[in-house]
């Protein structure tokens, strides 16, 4: 099942107090970036984030779910109606998120 654009727009609206929230569509789902770091994504109309320690400290009863078959488990955020909590959560996890991978430059090889 693909995620709906309406669900994405609602989550983005809930995160609108944060600067530098962006997304990228990927295979009918959406990757969520916070200040250029991958924070999580929207998969099957579920907001899932990376299971870092700071997130676990803020979530009372963490629920782990797979975004898709073969992926690593992520934390389900089911309280997407609480803007204050979402803002606090994304601010808390930022420092623990992995830095963006540097893209290799493609060049012409000389023989």
PDB file of N, CA and C in Angstrom:
ATOM      1  N   UNK A   1       0.842  -1.186   0.000  1.00  0.00           N
ATOM      2  CA  UNK A   1       0.000   0.000   0.000  1.00  0.00           C
ATOM      3  C   UNK A   1       0.883   1.244   0.000  1.00  0.00           C
ATOM      4  N   UNK A   2       0.617   2.172  -0.824  1.00  0.00           N
ATOM      5  CA  UNK A   2       1.378   3.417  -0.913  1.00  0.00           C
ATOM      6  C   UNK A   2       0.829   4.443   0.081  1.00  0.00           C
ATOM      7  N   UNK A   3       1.671   5.363   0.453  1.00  0.00           N
ATOM      8  CA  UNK A   3       1.245   6.444   1.339  1.00  0.00           C
ATOM      9  C   UNK A   3       0.541   7.521   0.524  1.00  0.00           C
ATOM     10  N   UNK A   4      -0.420   8.168   1.144  1.00  0.00           N
ATOM     11  CA  UNK A   4      -1.167   9.212   0.448  1.00  0.00           C
ATOM     12  C   UNK A   4      -0.472  10.559   0.595  1.00  0.00           C
ATOM     13  N   UNK A   5      -0.648  11.380  -0.410  1.00  0.00           N
ATOM     14  CA  UNK A   5      -0.106  12.742  -0.381  1.00  0.00           C
ATOM     15  C   UNK A   5      -0.777  13.539   0.745  1.00  0.00           C
ATOM     16  N   UNK A   6      -2.031  13.242   1.028  1.00  0.00           N
ATOM     17  CA  UNK A   6      -2.758  13.943   2.090  1.00  0.00           C
ATOM     18  C   UNK A   6      -2.132  13.662   3.461  1.00  0.00           C
ATOM     19  N   UNK A   7      -1.747  12.404   3.702  1.00  0.00           N
ATOM     20  CA  UNK A   7      -1.111  12.054   4.974  1.00  0.00           C
ATOM     21  C   UNK A   7       0.230  12.776   5.087  1.00  0.00           C
ATOM     22  N   UNK A   8       1.011  12.767   4.016  1.00  0.00           N
ATOM     23  CA  UNK A   8       2.288  13.480   3.999  1.00  0.00           C
ATOM     24  C   UNK A   8       2.078  14.954   4.331  1.00  0.00           C
ATOM     25  N   UNK A   9       1.127  15.595   3.665  1.00  0.00           N
ATOM     26  CA  UNK A   9       0.875  17.017   3.886  1.00  0.00           C
ATOM     27  C   UNK A   9       0.462  17.294   5.322  1.00  0.00           C
ATOM     28  N   UNK A  10      -0.328  16.398   5.920  1.00  0.00           N
ATOM     29  CA  UNK A  10      -0.727  16.572   7.320  1.00  0.00           C
ATOM     30  C   UNK A  10       0.489  16.489   8.241  1.00  0.00           C
ATOM     31  N   UNK A  11       1.345  15.497   8.037  1.00  0.00           N
ATOM     32  CA  UNK A  11       2.546  15.353   8.869  1.00  0.00           C
ATOM     33  C   UNK A  11       3.448  16.577   8.694  1.00  0.00           C
ATOM     34  N   UNK A  12       3.639  17.029   7.470  1.00  0.00           N
ATOM     35  CA  UNK A  12       4.470  18.211   7.235  1.00  0.00           C
ATOM     36  C   UNK A  12       3.883  19.444   7.908  1.00  0.00           C
ATOM     37  N   UNK A  13       2.581  19.568   7.903  1.00  0.00           N
ATOM     38  CA  UNK A  13       1.930  20.685   8.595  1.00  0.00           C
ATOM     39  C   UNK A  13       2.185  20.598  10.104  1.00  0.00           C
ATOM     40  N   UNK A  14       2.111  19.396  10.642  1.00  0.00           N
ATOM     41  CA  UNK A  14       2.365  19.208  12.071  1.00  0.00           C
ATOM     42  C   UNK A  14       3.823  19.540  12.431  1.00  0.00           C
ATOM     43  N   UNK A  15       4.733  19.390  11.486  1.00  0.00           N
ATOM     44  CA  UNK A  15       6.153  19.670  11.708  1.00  0.00           C
ATOM     45  C   UNK A  15       6.552  21.077  11.251  1.00  0.00           C
ATOM     46  N   UNK A  16       5.589  21.894  10.884  1.00  0.00           N
ATOM     47  CA  UNK A  16       5.890  23.183  10.263  1.00  0.00           C
ATOM     48  C   UNK A  16       6.553  24.186  11.207  1.00  0.00           C
ATOM     49  N   UNK A  17       6.556  23.938  12.505  1.00  0.00           N
ATOM     50  CA  UNK A  17       7.265  24.830  13.426  1.00  0.00           C
ATOM     51  C   UNK A  17       8.779  24.640  13.332  1.00  0.00           C
ATOM     52  N   UNK A  18       9.201  23.552  12.719  1.00  0.00           N
ATOM     53  CA  UNK A  18      10.629  23.270  12.543  1.00  0.00           C
ATOM     54  C   UNK A  18      11.107  23.865  11.221  1.00  0.00           C
ATOM     55  N   UNK A  19      12.325  24.360  11.237  1.00  0.00           N
ATOM     56  CA  UNK A  19      12.915  24.824   9.989  1.00  0.00           C
ATOM     57  C   UNK A  19      13.623  23.664   9.321  1.00  0.00           C
ATOM     58  N   UNK A  20      13.689  23.718   8.028  1.00  0.00           N
ATOM     59  CA  UNK A  20      14.441  22.748   7.242  1.00  0.00           C
ATOM     60  C   UNK A  20      13.888  21.322   7.305  1.00  0.00           C
ATOM     61  N   UNK A  21      12.583  21.188   7.291  1.00  0.00           N
ATOM     62  CA  UNK A  21      11.953  19.881   7.112  1.00  0.00           C
ATOM     63  C   UNK A  21      11.711  19.725   5.614  1.00  0.00           C
ATOM     64  N   UNK A  22      12.131  18.610   5.079  1.00  0.00           N
ATOM     65  CA  UNK A  22      11.902  18.356   3.669  1.00  0.00           C
ATOM     66  C   UNK A  22      11.594  16.874   3.488  1.00  0.00           C
ATOM     67  N   UNK A  23      11.258  16.517   2.267  1.00  0.00           N
ATOM     68  CA  UNK A  23      10.949  15.114   1.987  1.00  0.00           C
ATOM     69  C   UNK A  23      11.370  14.780   0.576  1.00  0.00           C
ATOM     70  N   UNK A  24      11.461  13.491   0.336  1.00  0.00           N
ATOM     71  CA  UNK A  24      11.747  12.988  -1.011  1.00  0.00           C
ATOM     72  C   UNK A  24      10.832  11.792  -1.236  1.00  0.00           C
ATOM     73  N   UNK A  25      10.130  11.803  -2.349  1.00  0.00           N
ATOM     74  CA  UNK A  25       9.295  10.663  -2.709  1.00  0.00           C
ATOM     75  C   UNK A  25      10.190   9.526  -3.172  1.00  0.00           C
ATOM     76  N   UNK A  26       9.882   8.320  -2.689  1.00  0.00           N
ATOM     77  CA  UNK A  26      10.657   7.154  -3.083  1.00  0.00           C
ATOM     78  C   UNK A  26       9.748   5.927  -3.073  1.00  0.00           C
ATOM     79  N   UNK A  27       9.503   5.395  -4.239  1.00  0.00           N
ATOM     80  CA  UNK A  27       8.696   4.178  -4.411  1.00  0.00           C
ATOM     81  C   UNK A  27       7.348   4.268  -3.685  1.00  0.00           C
ATOM     82  N   UNK A  28       6.619   5.331  -3.952  1.00  0.00           N
ATOM     83  CA  UNK A  28       5.289   5.577  -3.387  1.00  0.00           C
ATOM     84  C   UNK A  28       5.290   5.797  -1.879  1.00  0.00           C
ATOM     85  N   UNK A  29       6.433   6.074  -1.306  1.00  0.00           N
ATOM     86  CA  UNK A  29       6.555   6.414   0.107  1.00  0.00           C
ATOM     87  C   UNK A  29       7.348   7.714   0.185  1.00  0.00           C
ATOM     88  N   UNK A  30       7.605   8.220   1.390  1.00  0.00           N
ATOM     89  CA  UNK A  30       8.278   9.505   1.537  1.00  0.00           C
ATOM     90  C   UNK A  30       9.344   9.438   2.622  1.00  0.00           C
ATOM     91  N   UNK A  31      10.553   9.862   2.285  1.00  0.00           N
ATOM     92  CA  UNK A  31      11.639   9.966   3.250  1.00  0.00           C
ATOM     93  C   UNK A  31      11.565  11.377   3.838  1.00  0.00           C
ATOM     94  N   UNK A  32      11.635  11.483   5.163  1.00  0.00           N
ATOM     95  CA  UNK A  32      11.569  12.774   5.838  1.00  0.00           C
ATOM     96  C   UNK A  32      12.973  13.175   6.285  1.00  0.00           C
ATOM     97  N   UNK A  33      13.361  14.385   5.904  1.00  0.00           N
ATOM     98  CA  UNK A  33      14.670  14.931   6.268  1.00  0.00           C
ATOM     99  C   UNK A  33      14.475  16.079   7.246  1.00  0.00           C
ATOM    100  N   UNK A  34      15.346  16.133   8.239  1.00  0.00           N
ATOM    101  CA  UNK A  34      15.386  17.270   9.151  1.00  0.00           C
ATOM    102  C   UNK A  34      16.794  17.841   9.105  1.00  0.00           C
ATOM    103  N   UNK A  35      16.913  19.051   8.624  1.00  0.00           N
ATOM    104  CA  UNK A  35      18.205  19.717   8.432  1.00  0.00           C
ATOM    105  C   UNK A  35      19.183  18.807   7.688  1.00  0.00           C
ATOM    106  N   UNK A  36      18.724  18.263   6.587  1.00  0.00           N
ATOM    107  CA  UNK A  36      19.509  17.433   5.658  1.00  0.00           C
ATOM    108  C   UNK A  36      19.874  16.042   6.179  1.00  0.00           C
ATOM    109  N   UNK A  37      19.367  15.654   7.338  1.00  0.00           N
ATOM    110  CA  UNK A  37      19.597  14.302   7.842  1.00  0.00           C
ATOM    111  C   UNK A  37      18.298  13.504   7.729  1.00  0.00           C
ATOM    112  N   UNK A  38      18.420  12.229   7.413  1.00  0.00           N
ATOM    113  CA  UNK A  38      17.232  11.373   7.341  1.00  0.00           C
ATOM    114  C   UNK A  38      16.741  11.113   8.761  1.00  0.00           C
ATOM    115  N   UNK A  39      15.530  11.586   9.052  1.00  0.00           N
ATOM    116  CA  UNK A  39      14.946  11.401  10.378  1.00  0.00           C
ATOM    117  C   UNK A  39      14.018  10.192  10.397  1.00  0.00           C
ATOM    118  N   UNK A  40      13.424   9.897   9.271  1.00  0.00           N
ATOM    119  CA  UNK A  40      12.466   8.798   9.197  1.00  0.00           C
ATOM    120  C   UNK A  40      11.750   8.845   7.874  1.00  0.00           C
ATOM    121  N   UNK A  41      10.488   8.448   7.913  1.00  0.00           N
ATOM    122  CA  UNK A  41       9.730   8.459   6.681  1.00  0.00           C
ATOM    123  C   UNK A  41       8.275   8.135   6.907  1.00  0.00           C
ATOM    124  N   UNK A  42       7.536   8.224   5.841  1.00  0.00           N
ATOM    125  CA  UNK A  42       6.121   7.856   5.849  1.00  0.00           C
ATOM    126  C   UNK A  42       5.986   6.632   4.970  1.00  0.00           C
ATOM    127  N   UNK A  43       5.546   5.553   5.590  1.00  0.00           N
ATOM    128  CA  UNK A  43       5.410   4.259   4.931  1.00  0.00           C
ATOM    129  C   UNK A  43       4.015   3.730   5.225  1.00  0.00           C
ATOM    130  N   UNK A  44       3.258   3.454   4.194  1.00  0.00           N
ATOM    131  CA  UNK A  44       1.890   2.952   4.356  1.00  0.00           C
ATOM    132  C   UNK A  44       1.082   3.834   5.304  1.00  0.00           C
ATOM    133  N   UNK A  45       1.190   5.143   5.113  1.00  0.00           N
ATOM    134  CA  UNK A  45       0.505   6.132   5.948  1.00  0.00           C
ATOM    135  C   UNK A  45       0.812   5.956   7.441  1.00  0.00           C
ATOM    136  N   UNK A  46       2.083   5.674   7.740  1.00  0.00           N
ATOM    137  CA  UNK A  46       2.573   5.613   9.125  1.00  0.00           C
ATOM    138  C   UNK A  46       3.830   6.465   9.192  1.00  0.00           C
ATOM    139  N   UNK A  47       3.949   7.295  10.227  1.00  0.00           N
ATOM    140  CA  UNK A  47       5.180   8.041  10.453  1.00  0.00           C
ATOM    141  C   UNK A  47       6.115   7.162  11.271  1.00  0.00           C
ATOM    142  N   UNK A  48       7.257   6.834  10.689  1.00  0.00           N
ATOM    143  CA  UNK A  48       8.274   6.020  11.359  1.00  0.00           C
ATOM    144  C   UNK A  48       9.555   6.835  11.433  1.00  0.00           C
ATOM    145  N   UNK A  49      10.245   6.773  12.592  1.00  0.00           N
ATOM    146  CA  UNK A  49      11.504   7.488  12.734  1.00  0.00           C
ATOM    147  C   UNK A  49      12.599   6.528  13.158  1.00  0.00           C
ATOM    148  N   UNK A  50      13.833   6.990  13.021  1.00  0.00           N
ATOM    149  CA  UNK A  50      14.984   6.173  13.414  1.00  0.00           C
ATOM    150  C   UNK A  50      14.955   5.955  14.926  1.00  0.00           C
ATOM    151  N   UNK A  51      15.239   4.739  15.372  1.00  0.00           N
ATOM    152  CA  UNK A  51      15.146   4.411  16.807  1.00  0.00           C
ATOM    153  C   UNK A  51      16.407   4.808  17.590  1.00  0.00           C
ATOM    154  N   UNK A  52      16.659   6.097  17.715  1.00  0.00           N
ATOM    155  CA  UNK A  52      17.818   6.574  18.467  1.00  0.00           C
ATOM    156  C   UNK A  52      17.452   6.723  19.942  1.00  0.00           C
ATOM    157  N   UNK A  53      18.461   6.777  20.799  1.00  0.00           N
ATOM    158  CA  UNK A  53      18.236   6.799  22.254  1.00  0.00           C
ATOM    159  C   UNK A  53      17.339   7.944  22.703  1.00  0.00           C
ATOM    160  N   UNK A  54      17.544   9.120  22.146  1.00  0.00           N
ATOM    161  CA  UNK A  54      16.737  10.267  22.566  1.00  0.00           C
ATOM    162  C   UNK A  54      15.260  10.073  22.225  1.00  0.00           C
ATOM    163  N   UNK A  55      14.965   9.413  21.127  1.00  0.00           N
ATOM    164  CA  UNK A  55      13.568   9.130  20.774  1.00  0.00           C
ATOM    165  C   UNK A  55      12.973   8.145  21.775  1.00  0.00           C
ATOM    166  N   UNK A  56      13.745   7.131  22.107  1.00  0.00           N
ATOM    167  CA  UNK A  56      13.255   6.126  23.056  1.00  0.00           C
ATOM    168  C   UNK A  56      12.994   6.732  24.427  1.00  0.00           C
ATOM    169  N   UNK A  57      13.760   7.752  24.797  1.00  0.00           N
ATOM    170  CA  UNK A  57      13.553   8.379  26.099  1.00  0.00           C
ATOM    171  C   UNK A  57      12.272   9.216  26.131  1.00  0.00           C
ATOM    172  N   UNK A  58      11.783   9.635  24.978  1.00  0.00           N
ATOM    173  CA  UNK A  58      10.568  10.452  24.915  1.00  0.00           C
ATOM    174  C   UNK A  58       9.301   9.640  24.670  1.00  0.00           C
ATOM    175  N   UNK A  59       9.461   8.422  24.198  1.00  0.00           N
ATOM    176  CA  UNK A  59       8.293   7.601  23.848  1.00  0.00           C
ATOM    177  C   UNK A  59       8.057   6.578  24.951  1.00  0.00           C
ATOM    178  N   UNK A  60       6.878   6.629  25.552  1.00  0.00           N
ATOM    179  CA  UNK A  60       6.566   5.786  26.696  1.00  0.00           C
ATOM    180  C   UNK A  60       6.574   4.295  26.388  1.00  0.00           C
ATOM    181  N   UNK A  61       5.824   3.893  25.410  1.00  0.00           N
ATOM    182  CA  UNK A  61       5.730   2.480  25.027  1.00  0.00           C
ATOM    183  C   UNK A  61       6.098   2.349  23.557  1.00  0.00           C
ATOM    184  N   UNK A  62       7.394   2.263  23.264  1.00  0.00           N
ATOM    185  CA  UNK A  62       7.809   2.251  21.854  1.00  0.00           C
ATOM    186  C   UNK A  62       7.285   1.040  21.097  1.00  0.00           C
ATOM    187  N   UNK A  63       6.850   1.292  19.885  1.00  0.00           N
ATOM    188  CA  UNK A  63       6.386   0.239  18.993  1.00  0.00           C
ATOM    189  C   UNK A  63       7.310   0.251  17.786  1.00  0.00           C
ATOM    190  N   UNK A  64       7.934  -0.887  17.525  1.00  0.00           N
ATOM    191  CA  UNK A  64       8.837  -1.023  16.388  1.00  0.00           C
ATOM    192  C   UNK A  64       8.075  -1.633  15.224  1.00  0.00           C
ATOM    193  N   UNK A  65       8.265  -1.060  14.057  1.00  0.00           N
ATOM    194  CA  UNK A  65       7.636  -1.597  12.855  1.00  0.00           C
ATOM    195  C   UNK A  65       8.615  -1.534  11.696  1.00  0.00           C
ATOM    196  N   UNK A  66       8.396  -2.404  10.740  1.00  0.00           N
ATOM    197  CA  UNK A  66       9.216  -2.403   9.531  1.00  0.00           C
ATOM    198  C   UNK A  66       8.606  -1.444   8.512  1.00  0.00           C
ATOM    199  N   UNK A  67       9.416  -0.551   7.958  1.00  0.00           N
ATOM    200  CA  UNK A  67       8.864   0.324   6.920  1.00  0.00           C
ATOM    201  C   UNK A  67       8.505  -0.454   5.658  1.00  0.00           C
ATOM    202  N   UNK A  68       9.306  -1.474   5.365  1.00  0.00           N
ATOM    203  CA  UNK A  68       9.068  -2.359   4.222  1.00  0.00           C
ATOM    204  C   UNK A  68       9.879  -3.614   4.468  1.00  0.00           C
ATOM    205  N   UNK A  69       9.545  -4.674   3.758  1.00  0.00           N
ATOM    206  CA  UNK A  69      10.210  -5.960   3.943  1.00  0.00           C
ATOM    207  C   UNK A  69      11.708  -5.839   3.674  1.00  0.00           C
ATOM    208  N   UNK A  70      12.494  -6.370   4.589  1.00  0.00           N
ATOM    209  CA  UNK A  70      13.942  -6.353   4.446  1.00  0.00           C
ATOM    210  C   UNK A  70      14.620  -5.131   5.058  1.00  0.00           C
ATOM    211  N   UNK A  71      13.843  -4.195   5.583  1.00  0.00           N
ATOM    212  CA  UNK A  71      14.405  -2.979   6.182  1.00  0.00           C
ATOM    213  C   UNK A  71      14.643  -3.177   7.671  1.00  0.00           C
ATOM    214  N   UNK A  72      15.370  -2.243   8.267  1.00  0.00           N
ATOM    215  CA  UNK A  72      15.563  -2.236   9.713  1.00  0.00           C
ATOM    216  C   UNK A  72      14.319  -1.671  10.368  1.00  0.00           C
ATOM    217  N   UNK A  73      14.050  -2.142  11.586  1.00  0.00           N
ATOM    218  CA  UNK A  73      12.891  -1.645  12.312  1.00  0.00           C
ATOM    219  C   UNK A  73      13.055  -0.165  12.652  1.00  0.00           C
ATOM    220  N   UNK A  74      11.916   0.509  12.682  1.00  0.00           N
ATOM    221  CA  UNK A  74      11.868   1.921  13.039  1.00  0.00           C
ATOM    222  C   UNK A  74      10.789   2.104  14.095  1.00  0.00           C
ATOM    223  N   UNK A  75      10.774   3.274  14.710  1.00  0.00           N
ATOM    224  CA  UNK A  75       9.774   3.571  15.734  1.00  0.00           C
ATOM    225  C   UNK A  75       8.520   4.166  15.105  1.00  0.00           C
ATOM    226  N   UNK A  76       7.381   3.604  15.454  1.00  0.00           N
ATOM    227  CA  UNK A  76       6.098   4.132  15.003  1.00  0.00           C
ATOM    228  C   UNK A  76       5.736   5.331  15.862  1.00  0.00           C
ATOM    229  N   UNK A  77       5.404   6.432  15.210  1.00  0.00           N
ATOM    230  CA  UNK A  77       4.926   7.623  15.915  1.00  0.00           C
ATOM    231  C   UNK A  77       3.435   7.730  15.616  1.00  0.00           C
ATOM    232  N   UNK A  78       2.642   7.311  16.593  1.00  0.00           N
ATOM    233  CA  UNK A  78       1.203   7.294  16.346  1.00  0.00           C
ATOM    234  C   UNK A  78       0.492   8.541  16.863  1.00  0.00           C
ATOM    235  N   UNK A  79       1.200   9.410  17.590  1.00  0.00           N
ATOM    236  CA  UNK A  79       0.602  10.634  18.108  1.00  0.00           C
ATOM    237  C   UNK A  79       0.959  11.810  17.207  1.00  0.00           C
ATOM    238  N   UNK A  80       0.568  11.711  15.941  1.00  0.00           N
ATOM    239  CA  UNK A  80       0.928  12.772  14.998  1.00  0.00           C
ATOM    240  C   UNK A  80       0.056  14.013  15.144  1.00  0.00           C
ATOM    241  N   UNK A  81      -0.977  13.943  15.956  1.00  0.00           N
ATOM    242  CA  UNK A  81      -1.829  15.114  16.167  1.00  0.00           C
ATOM    243  C   UNK A  81      -1.220  16.086  17.173  1.00  0.00           C
ATOM    244  N   UNK A  82      -0.198  15.667  17.888  1.00  0.00           N
ATOM    245  CA  UNK A  82       0.427  16.479  18.926  1.00  0.00           C
ATOM    246  C   UNK A  82       1.655  17.202  18.349  1.00  0.00           C
ATOM    247  N   UNK A  83       1.433  18.426  17.873  1.00  0.00           N
ATOM    248  CA  UNK A  83       2.507  19.220  17.245  1.00  0.00           C
ATOM    249  C   UNK A  83       3.665  19.474  18.187  1.00  0.00           C
ATOM    250  N   UNK A  84       3.359  19.788  19.434  1.00  0.00           N
ATOM    251  CA  UNK A  84       4.403  20.104  20.411  1.00  0.00           C
ATOM    252  C   UNK A  84       5.308  18.893  20.610  1.00  0.00           C
ATOM    253  N   UNK A  85       4.708  17.715  20.756  1.00  0.00           N
ATOM    254  CA  UNK A  85       5.488  16.489  20.933  1.00  0.00           C
ATOM    255  C   UNK A  85       6.351  16.215  19.698  1.00  0.00           C
ATOM    256  N   UNK A  86       5.786  16.339  18.503  1.00  0.00           N
ATOM    257  CA  UNK A  86       6.549  16.075  17.277  1.00  0.00           C
ATOM    258  C   UNK A  86       7.737  17.031  17.138  1.00  0.00           C
ATOM    259  N   UNK A  87       7.524  18.297  17.451  1.00  0.00           N
ATOM    260  CA  UNK A  87       8.609  19.274  17.387  1.00  0.00           C
ATOM    261  C   UNK A  87       9.699  18.923  18.390  1.00  0.00           C
ATOM    262  N   UNK A  88       9.305  18.597  19.601  1.00  0.00           N
ATOM    263  CA  UNK A  88      10.265  18.202  20.635  1.00  0.00           C
ATOM    264  C   UNK A  88      11.020  16.938  20.228  1.00  0.00           C
ATOM    265  N   UNK A  89      10.311  15.980  19.675  1.00  0.00           N
ATOM    266  CA  UNK A  89      10.911  14.718  19.258  1.00  0.00           C
ATOM    267  C   UNK A  89      11.958  14.934  18.170  1.00  0.00           C
ATOM    268  N   UNK A  90      11.619  15.671  17.128  1.00  0.00           N
ATOM    269  CA  UNK A  90      12.558  15.891  16.028  1.00  0.00           C
ATOM    270  C   UNK A  90      13.774  16.695  16.485  1.00  0.00           C
ATOM    271  N   UNK A  91      13.564  17.677  17.363  1.00  0.00           N
ATOM    272  CA  UNK A  91      14.700  18.423  17.902  1.00  0.00           C
ATOM    273  C   UNK A  91      15.600  17.526  18.747  1.00  0.00           C
ATOM    274  N   UNK A  92      15.002  16.628  19.505  1.00  0.00           N
ATOM    275  CA  UNK A  92      15.768  15.739  20.382  1.00  0.00           C
ATOM    276  C   UNK A  92      16.608  14.743  19.593  1.00  0.00           C
ATOM    277  N   UNK A  93      16.097  14.226  18.495  1.00  0.00           N
ATOM    278  CA  UNK A  93      16.813  13.168  17.776  1.00  0.00           C
ATOM    279  C   UNK A  93      17.879  13.698  16.828  1.00  0.00           C
ATOM    280  N   UNK A  94      17.824  14.974  16.494  1.00  0.00           N
ATOM    281  CA  UNK A  94      18.701  15.508  15.444  1.00  0.00           C
ATOM    282  C   UNK A  94      20.180  15.162  15.637  1.00  0.00           C
ATOM    283  N   UNK A  95      20.720  15.390  16.822  1.00  0.00           N
ATOM    284  CA  UNK A  95      22.152  15.171  17.039  1.00  0.00           C
ATOM    285  C   UNK A  95      22.562  13.706  16.885  1.00  0.00           C
ATOM    286  N   UNK A  96      21.626  12.793  17.086  1.00  0.00           N
ATOM    287  CA  UNK A  96      21.940  11.367  16.975  1.00  0.00           C
ATOM    288  C   UNK A  96      21.731  10.796  15.577  1.00  0.00           C
ATOM    289  N   UNK A  97      21.151  11.559  14.706  1.00  0.00           N
ATOM    290  CA  UNK A  97      20.917  11.070  13.344  1.00  0.00           C
ATOM    291  C   UNK A  97      22.237  11.029  12.585  1.00  0.00           C
ATOM    292  N   UNK A  98      22.422  10.010  11.758  1.00  0.00           N
ATOM    293  CA  UNK A  98      23.665   9.925  10.990  1.00  0.00           C
ATOM    294  C   UNK A  98      23.797  11.096  10.015  1.00  0.00           C
ATOM    295  N   UNK A  99      25.022  11.532   9.826  1.00  0.00           N
ATOM    296  CA  UNK A  99      25.297  12.598   8.860  1.00  0.00           C
ATOM    297  C   UNK A  99      24.972  12.095   7.466  1.00  0.00           C
ATOM    298  N   UNK A 100      24.588  12.998   6.592  1.00  0.00           N
ATOM    299  CA  UNK A 100      24.306  12.578   5.209  1.00  0.00           C
ATOM    300  C   UNK A 100      25.549  11.984   4.566  1.00  0.00           C
ATOM    301  N   UNK A 101      25.332  10.958   3.758  1.00  0.00           N
ATOM    302  CA  UNK A 101      26.445  10.334   3.045  1.00  0.00           C
ATOM    303  C   UNK A 101      26.887  11.245   1.919  1.00  0.00           C
ATOM    304  N   UNK A 102      28.168  11.351   1.756  1.00  0.00           N
ATOM    305  CA  UNK A 102      28.707  12.161   0.661  1.00  0.00           C
ATOM    306  C   UNK A 102      28.553  11.387  -0.639  1.00  0.00           C
ATOM    307  N   UNK A 103      28.084  12.090  -1.652  1.00  0.00           N
ATOM    308  CA  UNK A 103      27.916  11.458  -2.962  1.00  0.00           C
ATOM    309  C   UNK A 103      29.261  11.442  -3.669  1.00  0.00           C
ATOM    310  N   UNK A 104      29.545  10.322  -4.292  1.00  0.00           N
ATOM    311  CA  UNK A 104      30.776  10.214  -5.062  1.00  0.00           C
ATOM    312  C   UNK A 104      30.599  10.968  -6.367  1.00  0.00           C
ATOM    313  N   UNK A 105      31.632  11.696  -6.723  1.00  0.00           N
ATOM    314  CA  UNK A 105      31.589  12.404  -8.003  1.00  0.00           C
ATOM    315  C   UNK A 105      31.930  11.429  -9.112  1.00  0.00           C
ATOM    316  N   UNK A 106      31.155  11.494 -10.145  1.00  0.00           N
ATOM    317  CA  UNK A 106      31.420  10.654 -11.305  1.00  0.00           C
ATOM    318  C   UNK A 106      32.291  11.434 -12.263  1.00  0.00           C
ATOM    319  N   UNK A 107      33.316  10.802 -12.724  1.00  0.00           N
ATOM    320  CA  UNK A 107      34.204  11.486 -13.651  1.00  0.00           C
ATOM    321  C   UNK A 107      34.573  10.573 -14.802  1.00  0.00           C
ATOM    322  N   UNK A 108      35.282  11.141 -15.697  1.00  0.00           N
ATOM    323  CA  UNK A 108      35.761  10.375 -16.839  1.00  0.00           C
ATOM    324  C   UNK A 108      37.144   9.849 -16.475  1.00  0.00           C
ATOM    325  N   UNK A 109      37.305   8.583 -16.628  1.00  0.00           N
ATOM    326  CA  UNK A 109      38.596   7.948 -16.313  1.00  0.00           C
ATOM    327  C   UNK A 109      39.500   8.007 -17.541  1.00  0.00           C
ATOM    328  N   UNK A 110      40.711   8.451 -17.319  1.00  0.00           N
ATOM    329  CA  UNK A 110      41.687   8.490 -18.414  1.00  0.00           C
ATOM    330  C   UNK A 110      42.533   7.228 -18.371  1.00  0.00           C
ATOM    331  N   UNK A 111      42.782   6.662 -19.499  1.00  0.00           N
ATOM    332  CA  UNK A 111      43.602   5.445 -19.546  1.00  0.00           C
ATOM    333  C   UNK A 111      44.998   5.773 -19.906  1.00  0.00           C
TER     334      UNK A 111
END
